[in-house]
C-alpha atoms as a PDB file:
ATOM      1  CA  MET A   1      -9.100  38.262 -47.565  1.00  0.00           C
ATOM      2  CA  GLU A   2      -5.457  37.615 -47.177  1.00  0.00           C
ATOM      3  CA  LYS A   3      -3.770  34.387 -47.317  1.00  0.00           C
ATOM      4  CA  ASP A   4      -2.100  33.286 -44.409  1.00  0.00           C
ATOM      5  CA  GLU A   5       1.611  33.099 -44.563  1.00  0.00           C
ATOM      6  CA  VAL A   6       3.076  29.396 -45.260  1.00  0.00           C
ATOM      7  CA  THR A   7       5.541  28.447 -42.196  1.00  0.00           C
ATOM      8  CA  MET A   8       8.301  26.071 -42.690  1.00  0.00           C
ATOM      9  CA  ILE A   9       8.900  23.023 -40.929  1.00  0.00           C
ATOM     10  CA  THR A  10      12.275  21.641 -40.379  1.00  0.00           C
ATOM     11  CA  ARG A  11      13.249  19.075 -43.363  1.00  0.00           C
ATOM     12  CA  ASP A  12      13.358  15.824 -41.289  1.00  0.00           C
ATOM     13  CA  ARG A  13       9.825  16.780 -39.583  1.00  0.00           C
ATOM     14  CA  ALA A  14       8.650  17.808 -42.765  1.00  0.00           C
ATOM     15  CA  GLU A  15       9.968  14.007 -44.163  1.00  0.00           C
ATOM     16  CA  ASN A  16       8.365  12.411 -41.134  1.00  0.00           C
ATOM     17  CA  ILE A  17       5.087  13.767 -41.616  1.00  0.00           C
ATOM     18  CA  ALA A  18       4.825  13.281 -45.086  1.00  0.00           C
ATOM     19  CA  PHE A  19       5.423   9.358 -44.660  1.00  0.00           C
ATOM     20  CA  ILE A  20       3.273   9.219 -41.484  1.00  0.00           C
ATOM     21  CA  HIS A  21       1.102  10.606 -44.341  1.00  0.00           C
ATOM     22  CA  ASN A  22       1.436   8.733 -47.092  1.00  0.00           C
ATOM     23  CA  ARG A  23       3.808  11.184 -48.674  1.00  0.00           C
ATOM     24  CA  MET A  24       0.816  13.594 -49.035  1.00  0.00           C
ATOM     25  CA  PRO A  25       1.547  17.395 -49.096  1.00  0.00           C
ATOM     26  CA  LEU A  26       1.620  19.430 -46.103  1.00  0.00           C
ATOM     27  CA  ILE A  27      -0.417  22.715 -45.925  1.00  0.00           C
ATOM     28  CA  PHE A  28      -1.652  24.340 -42.891  1.00  0.00           C
ATOM     29  CA  SER A  29      -1.741  27.927 -41.764  1.00  0.00           C
ATOM     30  CA  LYS A  30       0.728  29.882 -39.283  1.00  0.00           C
ATOM     31  CA  ASP A  31      -2.086  29.923 -36.413  1.00  0.00           C
ATOM     32  CA  THR A  32      -1.898  25.824 -36.711  1.00  0.00           C
ATOM     33  CA  ALA A  33       1.996  25.784 -37.236  1.00  0.00           C
ATOM     34  CA  PRO A  34       3.203  26.013 -33.437  1.00  0.00           C
ATOM     35  CA  LEU A  35       1.327  22.445 -33.037  1.00  0.00           C
ATOM     36  CA  TRP A  36       3.761  20.682 -35.726  1.00  0.00           C
ATOM     37  CA  PHE A  37       6.785  21.750 -32.781  1.00  0.00           C
ATOM     38  CA  ASP A  38       4.909  20.256 -29.993  1.00  0.00           C
ATOM     39  CA  ASP A  39       6.423  16.920 -29.650  1.00  0.00           C
ATOM     40  CA  ARG A  40       3.335  15.751 -27.601  1.00  0.00           C
ATOM     41  CA  PHE A  41       1.225  16.512 -30.861  1.00  0.00           C
ATOM     42  CA  TYR A  42       3.825  14.986 -32.996  1.00  0.00           C
ATOM     43  CA  THR A  43       3.788  12.110 -30.611  1.00  0.00           C
ATOM     44  CA  TYR A  44      -0.028  11.968 -30.970  1.00  0.00           C
ATOM     45  CA  LEU A  45      -0.212  12.053 -34.518  1.00  0.00           C
ATOM     46  CA  VAL A  46       3.239   9.051 -34.724  1.00  0.00           C
ATOM     47  CA  ASN A  47       0.961   7.102 -33.273  1.00  0.00           C
ATOM     48  CA  GLU A  48      -2.457   7.572 -35.210  1.00  0.00           C
ATOM     49  CA  LYS A  49      -0.481   7.565 -38.058  1.00  0.00           C
ATOM     50  CA  SER A  50      -3.240  10.416 -39.213  1.00  0.00           C
ATOM     51  CA  ILE A  51      -2.392  13.867 -40.414  1.00  0.00           C
ATOM     52  CA  PRO A  52      -4.861  16.392 -40.380  1.00  0.00           C
ATOM     53  CA  ILE A  53      -4.114  18.808 -43.807  1.00  0.00           C
ATOM     54  CA  LEU A  54      -5.323  22.236 -43.898  1.00  0.00           C
ATOM     55  CA  TYR A  55      -6.068  23.286 -47.581  1.00  0.00           C
ATOM     56  CA  ASP A  56      -8.120  26.678 -46.232  1.00  0.00           C
ATOM     57  CA  MET A  57      -5.294  29.152 -46.349  1.00  0.00           C
ATOM     58  CA  THR A  58      -7.701  32.233 -46.094  1.00  0.00           C
ATOM     59  CA  ASN A  59      -8.689  33.895 -42.703  1.00  0.00           C
END
């Protein structure tokens, strides 16, 4: 199985997400990446102060 491509996010968004999640590293697949640009999803994460981390990069 090939690994998914890692998708880049903007520095500001990445820093905000990292701060919310106690600066844990963010790893997510190309399939979940669009969610990080959805303001409603992002606002929900900010409010909940909870960030899902996907470490399984395989298909």
